[in-house]
Amino acid sequence: MWAIINDPATQITLVVSVIMIAVMVYVIKYVAGHMQKSSASVPAGEQTFDGIAEGISPTPVGLHFIMGGLIIFFFWYIFAGYPIWTWTQEGQYDDEVAAYKQTFDETWKNADENTLIAMGESIFNAKCVACHGYTGEGQNGMAANLVEYGTEKHISKVIRNGSKGLGYLTPIMPPQAPVLEVLFGKENLEKNISDAAAYVMQLSGRTPAHGNPAEGLIVFKAVCQTCHGPEGKGRGPGGNIPNFSKDLTTYATDVDVIRTLQLGKKGDIGIMPNFAAEGTLSEIQYRAVAAFVSTELHN
């Protein structure tokens, strides 16, 4: 109870409420006292409406004080009060969230992998299942299929259909199937996509199961290197432009998942929230979601 009363918003509300109650009691007493004076008469004015004469009666003195006070308060608040007294309920909320996140991270800074995965599952269920579903499979295309994310099947789909909206200098990766058809022939399209996907998967330290990474390197140099750079780190054709495109050496790793959470993602059905802008996740919680997505969902 006392914790609520110590809140500035509650204190302001209580003070205003007491003032309003006092004013209301005064007005009721004044009106009631005036009504009890049976001999009281109100001078009639010159205007009449349907035989009812206009009454001429001075406004209560207290009302003049109230109106004058409100006008003075208005100008004081606009030009002096608000600029000086910068407290806002939104600001207080942000400060409380920041303090809580700091305490939370300090408490769980040494959490083991199993604890992070369990924590990540809880956060995923609270914030992600609406689009990705409880199984993470994207609900029939409603969102990205996180179970397949980073696999050769997923990478092949991205190469074929393109991707967009991850906050890089090149915000859209157009579909590459037409480019591959022109460069290598339509009859070799599926093999080239499979080989390129295998090479991209190998860049992040994983072993592909289907395509040929050596032949995929040829496709990568001809098509993908322009944006992703010679080493696949997303630094442009010369490898020297930060944040030019996606870093394929961390593809589908915890680093990649955290970056996606922090940047948000534009998709065909809408926009995935930018959790860094929302400020709702702490550093440990980012790690927890990444651990859950990159291990539990994939498994």
Protein backbone atom coordinates (compact mmCIF):
# COMPACT_ATOMS: atom_id res chain seq x y z
CA MET A 1 0.00 0.00 0.00
CA TRP A 2 2.72 2.49 1.01
CA ALA A 3 4.74 1.59 -2.08
CA ILE A 4 1.78 2.68 -4.22
CA ILE A 5 1.35 5.93 -2.29
CA ASN A 6 5.05 6.72 -2.76
CA ASP A 7 4.56 6.69 -6.52
CA PRO A 8 4.61 10.32 -7.84
CA ALA A 9 1.65 9.74 -10.15
CA THR A 10 -0.42 8.45 -7.24
CA GLN A 11 0.63 11.37 -5.06
CA ILE A 12 -0.42 13.88 -7.71
CA THR A 13 -3.75 12.11 -8.11
CA LEU A 14 -4.37 12.16 -4.35
CA VAL A 15 -3.57 15.87 -4.02
CA VAL A 16 -5.80 16.82 -6.95
CA SER A 17 -8.57 14.58 -5.61
CA VAL A 18 -8.46 16.25 -2.17
CA ILE A 19 -8.60 19.70 -3.77
CA MET A 20 -11.53 18.73 -5.98
CA ILE A 21 -13.43 17.21 -3.05
CA ALA A 22 -12.90 20.38 -1.00
CA VAL A 23 -14.14 22.58 -3.85
CA MET A 24 -17.15 20.34 -4.40
CA VAL A 25 -18.08 20.44 -0.68
CA TYR A 26 -17.80 24.24 -0.70
CA VAL A 27 -20.02 24.57 -3.78
CA ILE A 28 -22.65 22.17 -2.39
CA LYS A 29 -22.75 24.04 0.92
CA TYR A 30 -23.03 27.37 -0.87
CA VAL A 31 -25.86 26.22 -3.13
CA ALA A 32 -27.69 24.50 -0.29
CA GLY A 33 -27.41 27.59 1.91
CA HIS A 34 -28.64 29.82 -0.89
CA MET A 35 -31.64 27.55 -1.51
CA GLN A 36 -32.65 27.75 2.18
CA LYS A 37 -33.12 31.52 1.94
CA SER A 38 -36.76 31.60 0.93
CA SER A 39 -36.82 35.40 0.91
CA ALA A 40 -33.95 35.62 -1.50
CA SER A 41 -34.92 37.28 -4.71
CA VAL A 42 -33.07 37.63 -7.97
CA PRO A 43 -33.47 40.86 -9.94
CA ALA A 44 -35.03 40.32 -13.31
CA GLY A 45 -33.23 41.41 -16.45
CA GLU A 46 -34.62 42.82 -19.64
CA GLN A 47 -34.68 39.53 -21.56
CA THR A 48 -37.59 37.10 -21.34
CA PHE A 49 -37.99 33.71 -22.94
CA ASP A 50 -41.50 32.23 -23.15
CA GLY A 51 -42.54 34.35 -20.21
CA ILE A 52 -39.51 33.42 -18.13
CA ALA A 53 -37.50 36.46 -17.14
CA GLU A 54 -33.74 36.45 -17.27
CA GLY A 55 -32.25 36.49 -13.77
CA ILE A 56 -29.47 38.90 -12.94
CA SER A 57 -27.29 37.42 -10.25
CA PRO A 58 -23.58 37.92 -9.65
CA THR A 59 -21.34 34.86 -9.92
CA PRO A 60 -19.93 33.57 -6.62
CA VAL A 61 -16.68 35.21 -5.58
CA GLY A 62 -15.08 31.79 -5.10
CA LEU A 63 -15.72 30.93 -8.74
CA HIS A 64 -13.71 33.99 -9.81
CA PHE A 65 -10.78 32.80 -7.66
CA ILE A 66 -11.01 29.28 -9.11
CA MET A 67 -11.09 30.48 -12.72
CA GLY A 68 -8.29 32.97 -12.13
CA GLY A 69 -6.20 30.31 -10.44
CA LEU A 70 -6.72 27.89 -13.31
CA ILE A 71 -5.64 30.50 -15.87
CA ILE A 72 -2.52 31.34 -13.87
CA PHE A 73 -1.71 27.64 -13.42
CA PHE A 74 -2.18 27.07 -17.15
CA PHE A 75 0.40 29.66 -18.17
CA TRP A 76 2.79 28.65 -15.38
CA TYR A 77 2.66 24.98 -16.34
CA ILE A 78 3.13 25.59 -20.08
CA PHE A 79 5.96 28.10 -19.84
CA ALA A 80 7.67 27.23 -16.54
CA GLY A 81 6.31 24.20 -14.71
CA TYR A 82 6.63 21.54 -17.39
CA PRO A 83 10.10 22.58 -18.67
CA ILE A 84 11.45 22.68 -15.10
CA TRP A 85 9.61 19.69 -13.65
CA THR A 86 10.56 17.09 -16.24
CA TRP A 87 9.17 14.05 -14.44
CA THR A 88 6.82 11.91 -16.53
CA GLN A 89 5.16 8.63 -15.78
CA GLU A 90 6.65 7.21 -18.98
CA GLY A 91 10.14 8.26 -17.87
CA GLN A 92 9.63 6.72 -14.46
CA TYR A 93 8.50 3.47 -16.09
CA ASP A 94 11.59 3.41 -18.33
CA ASP A 95 13.85 4.00 -15.32
CA GLU A 96 12.18 1.21 -13.36
CA VAL A 97 12.48 -1.20 -16.31
CA ALA A 98 16.16 -0.32 -16.77
CA ALA A 99 16.85 -0.87 -13.07
CA TYR A 100 15.00 -4.20 -13.14
CA LYS A 101 16.93 -5.37 -16.21
CA GLN A 102 20.22 -4.48 -14.55
CA THR A 103 19.26 -6.44 -11.44
CA PHE A 104 18.01 -9.34 -13.56
CA ASP A 105 21.24 -9.54 -15.57
CA GLU A 106 23.33 -9.37 -12.41
CA THR A 107 21.31 -12.22 -10.86
CA TRP A 108 21.55 -14.50 -13.90
CA LYS A 109 24.96 -13.51 -15.33
CA ASN A 110 26.39 -16.97 -14.61
CA ALA A 111 23.37 -18.98 -15.78
CA ASP A 112 24.27 -22.29 -17.42
CA GLU A 113 23.09 -23.38 -20.86
CA ASN A 114 20.06 -25.33 -19.58
CA THR A 115 18.88 -22.37 -17.52
CA LEU A 116 19.23 -20.03 -20.50
CA ILE A 117 17.27 -22.39 -22.72
CA ALA A 118 14.46 -22.68 -20.16
CA MET A 119 14.41 -18.90 -19.74
CA GLY A 120 14.44 -18.41 -23.51
CA GLU A 121 11.49 -20.76 -23.93
CA SER A 122 9.44 -18.70 -21.46
CA ILE A 123 10.27 -15.46 -23.30
CA PHE A 124 9.58 -17.11 -26.66
CA ASN A 125 6.16 -18.27 -25.44
CA ALA A 126 5.36 -14.75 -24.22
CA LYS A 127 6.57 -12.72 -27.20
CA CYS A 128 7.14 -14.90 -30.26
CA VAL A 129 4.48 -17.60 -30.50
CA ALA A 130 1.84 -15.23 -31.88
CA CYS A 131 3.62 -15.34 -35.25
CA HIS A 132 6.14 -18.19 -35.09
CA GLY A 133 3.84 -20.61 -33.26
CA TYR A 134 4.65 -22.80 -30.24
CA THR A 135 6.70 -25.14 -32.40
CA GLY A 136 8.56 -22.27 -34.09
CA GLU A 137 7.56 -23.45 -37.55
CA GLY A 138 6.05 -20.12 -38.57
CA GLN A 139 2.40 -21.17 -38.78
CA ASN A 140 2.30 -22.02 -42.49
CA GLY A 141 4.30 -19.05 -43.68
CA MET A 142 2.91 -16.49 -41.26
CA ALA A 143 6.47 -15.95 -40.01
CA ALA A 144 9.94 -17.43 -40.47
CA ASN A 145 10.27 -21.15 -39.84
CA LEU A 146 12.81 -21.13 -37.00
CA VAL A 147 13.12 -24.92 -36.98
CA GLU A 148 14.59 -24.77 -40.51
CA TYR A 149 16.42 -21.47 -39.99
CA GLY A 150 20.03 -21.75 -41.16
CA THR A 151 19.60 -25.15 -42.79
CA GLU A 152 20.35 -25.78 -46.46
CA LYS A 153 16.63 -25.85 -47.14
CA HIS A 154 16.15 -22.44 -45.56
CA ILE A 155 19.21 -20.89 -47.24
CA SER A 156 18.11 -22.26 -50.60
CA LYS A 157 14.72 -20.63 -50.14
CA VAL A 158 16.35 -17.28 -49.35
CA ILE A 159 18.60 -17.54 -52.42
CA ARG A 160 15.61 -18.36 -54.58
CA ASN A 161 13.11 -15.81 -53.19
CA GLY A 162 15.28 -13.11 -51.61
CA SER A 163 14.91 -11.40 -48.23
CA LYS A 164 14.32 -7.91 -46.87
CA GLY A 165 14.28 -5.60 -43.93
CA LEU A 166 17.10 -6.34 -41.50
CA GLY A 167 18.47 -2.82 -41.11
CA TYR A 168 21.53 -3.15 -43.35
CA LEU A 169 22.80 -0.64 -45.91
CA THR A 170 21.36 -3.02 -48.52
CA PRO A 171 17.89 -3.44 -47.00
CA ILE A 172 16.62 -5.87 -49.64
CA MET A 173 18.20 -8.98 -51.09
CA PRO A 174 16.36 -9.57 -54.39
CA PRO A 175 15.61 -13.10 -55.62
CA GLN A 176 18.80 -14.59 -57.05
CA ALA A 177 17.25 -17.39 -59.12
CA PRO A 178 16.94 -15.21 -62.25
CA VAL A 179 20.59 -14.14 -61.89
CA LEU A 180 21.76 -17.75 -61.56
CA GLU A 181 19.73 -18.74 -64.60
CA VAL A 182 21.42 -16.07 -66.70
CA LEU A 183 24.94 -16.84 -65.48
CA PHE A 184 24.86 -20.64 -65.28
CA GLY A 185 21.81 -21.74 -67.27
CA LYS A 186 18.31 -22.64 -66.24
CA GLU A 187 19.06 -26.35 -66.34
CA ASN A 188 21.66 -25.96 -63.57
CA LEU A 189 19.54 -23.71 -61.33
CA GLU A 190 18.63 -26.20 -58.60
CA LYS A 191 22.16 -27.60 -58.32
CA ASN A 192 23.70 -24.13 -58.14
CA ILE A 193 21.26 -23.06 -55.43
CA SER A 194 21.98 -26.23 -53.44
CA ASP A 195 25.75 -25.78 -53.79
CA ALA A 196 25.60 -22.10 -52.80
CA ALA A 197 23.48 -22.99 -49.76
CA ALA A 198 26.04 -25.63 -48.76
CA TYR A 199 28.87 -23.11 -48.99
CA VAL A 200 26.95 -20.49 -46.97
CA MET A 201 26.21 -23.10 -44.31
CA GLN A 202 29.90 -24.00 -44.19
CA LEU A 203 30.81 -20.32 -43.66
CA SER A 204 29.18 -20.41 -40.22
CA GLY A 205 31.08 -23.55 -39.20
CA ARG A 206 28.41 -26.14 -39.93
CA THR A 207 28.55 -29.23 -42.13
CA PRO A 208 26.12 -29.30 -45.09
CA ALA A 209 24.35 -32.55 -45.91
CA HIS A 210 23.49 -32.14 -49.58
CA GLY A 211 25.19 -29.53 -51.76
CA ASN A 212 28.83 -29.25 -52.77
CA PRO A 213 30.50 -26.34 -50.92
CA ALA A 214 33.50 -26.26 -53.31
CA GLU A 215 31.26 -25.67 -56.31
CA GLY A 216 29.10 -23.37 -54.20
CA LEU A 217 32.14 -21.12 -53.74
CA ILE A 218 32.13 -20.49 -57.50
CA VAL A 219 28.48 -19.42 -57.35
CA PHE A 220 29.17 -17.31 -54.25
CA LYS A 221 32.00 -15.39 -55.92
CA ALA A 222 29.92 -14.76 -59.02
CA VAL A 223 26.68 -13.69 -57.33
CA CYS A 224 26.86 -13.27 -53.56
CA GLN A 225 30.24 -11.66 -53.01
CA THR A 226 29.00 -8.32 -54.36
CA CYS A 227 27.07 -7.67 -51.14
CA HIS A 228 28.34 -10.21 -48.62
CA GLY A 229 32.01 -9.65 -49.38
CA PRO A 230 34.79 -12.08 -50.25
CA GLU A 231 34.76 -13.62 -46.77
CA GLY A 232 30.98 -13.58 -46.38
CA LYS A 233 31.08 -11.11 -43.47
CA GLY A 234 28.58 -8.73 -45.04
CA ARG A 235 31.07 -5.91 -45.63
CA GLY A 236 30.48 -5.23 -49.32
CA PRO A 237 32.44 -6.22 -52.45
CA GLY A 238 35.76 -5.01 -51.06
CA GLY A 239 35.14 -6.34 -47.57
CA ASN A 240 35.55 -2.92 -45.99
CA ILE A 241 32.03 -1.50 -45.55
CA PRO A 242 30.55 -2.24 -42.09
CA ASN A 243 26.88 -3.27 -41.89
CA PHE A 244 26.58 -3.51 -45.69
CA SER A 245 24.66 -6.81 -45.60
CA LYS A 246 24.15 -9.92 -43.48
CA ASP A 247 27.23 -11.55 -41.95
CA LEU A 248 27.02 -15.11 -43.25
CA THR A 249 29.82 -16.32 -40.98
CA THR A 250 27.42 -16.03 -38.01
CA TYR A 251 24.32 -17.21 -39.90
CA ALA A 252 21.77 -18.91 -37.57
CA THR A 253 24.15 -18.68 -34.61
CA ASP A 254 23.32 -16.96 -31.32
CA VAL A 255 24.96 -13.77 -32.61
CA ASP A 256 22.67 -13.77 -35.64
CA VAL A 257 19.51 -14.44 -33.61
CA ILE A 258 20.34 -11.64 -31.15
CA ARG A 259 21.03 -9.21 -34.00
CA THR A 260 17.66 -10.04 -35.56
CA LEU A 261 15.91 -9.48 -32.24
CA GLN A 262 17.63 -6.11 -31.88
CA LEU A 263 16.97 -4.92 -35.44
CA GLY A 264 13.52 -6.33 -36.11
CA LYS A 265 12.58 -7.80 -39.48
CA LYS A 266 10.32 -6.78 -42.33
CA GLY A 267 8.49 -9.68 -43.87
CA ASP A 268 5.78 -10.46 -46.37
CA ILE A 269 3.04 -10.36 -43.73
CA GLY A 270 4.22 -7.50 -41.54
CA ILE A 271 7.05 -6.33 -39.31
CA MET A 272 8.74 -8.25 -36.53
CA PRO A 273 9.19 -5.92 -33.52
CA ASN A 274 12.51 -4.22 -32.86
CA PHE A 275 13.11 -5.36 -29.28
CA ALA A 276 16.08 -3.01 -28.84
CA ALA A 277 13.81 -0.03 -29.57
CA GLU A 278 11.14 -1.43 -27.24
CA GLY A 279 13.74 -1.87 -24.51
CA THR A 280 11.88 -4.84 -23.05
CA LEU A 281 14.69 -7.42 -23.15
CA SER A 282 17.90 -7.42 -21.15
CA GLU A 283 21.25 -8.77 -22.39
CA ILE A 284 20.76 -12.07 -20.57
CA GLN A 285 17.27 -12.40 -22.05
CA TYR A 286 18.66 -11.88 -25.57
CA ARG A 287 21.13 -14.67 -24.91
CA ALA A 288 18.36 -16.86 -23.52
CA VAL A 289 16.11 -16.48 -26.57
CA ALA A 290 19.07 -17.10 -28.87
CA ALA A 291 20.00 -20.25 -26.94
CA PHE A 292 16.45 -21.56 -27.20
CA VAL A 293 16.08 -20.78 -30.91
CA SER A 294 19.51 -22.01 -32.03
CA THR A 295 19.45 -25.24 -30.00
CA GLU A 296 16.08 -26.38 -28.72
CA LEU A 297 14.00 -25.40 -31.76
CA HIS A 298 16.57 -26.76 -34.20
CA ASN A 299 16.74 -30.02 -32.31
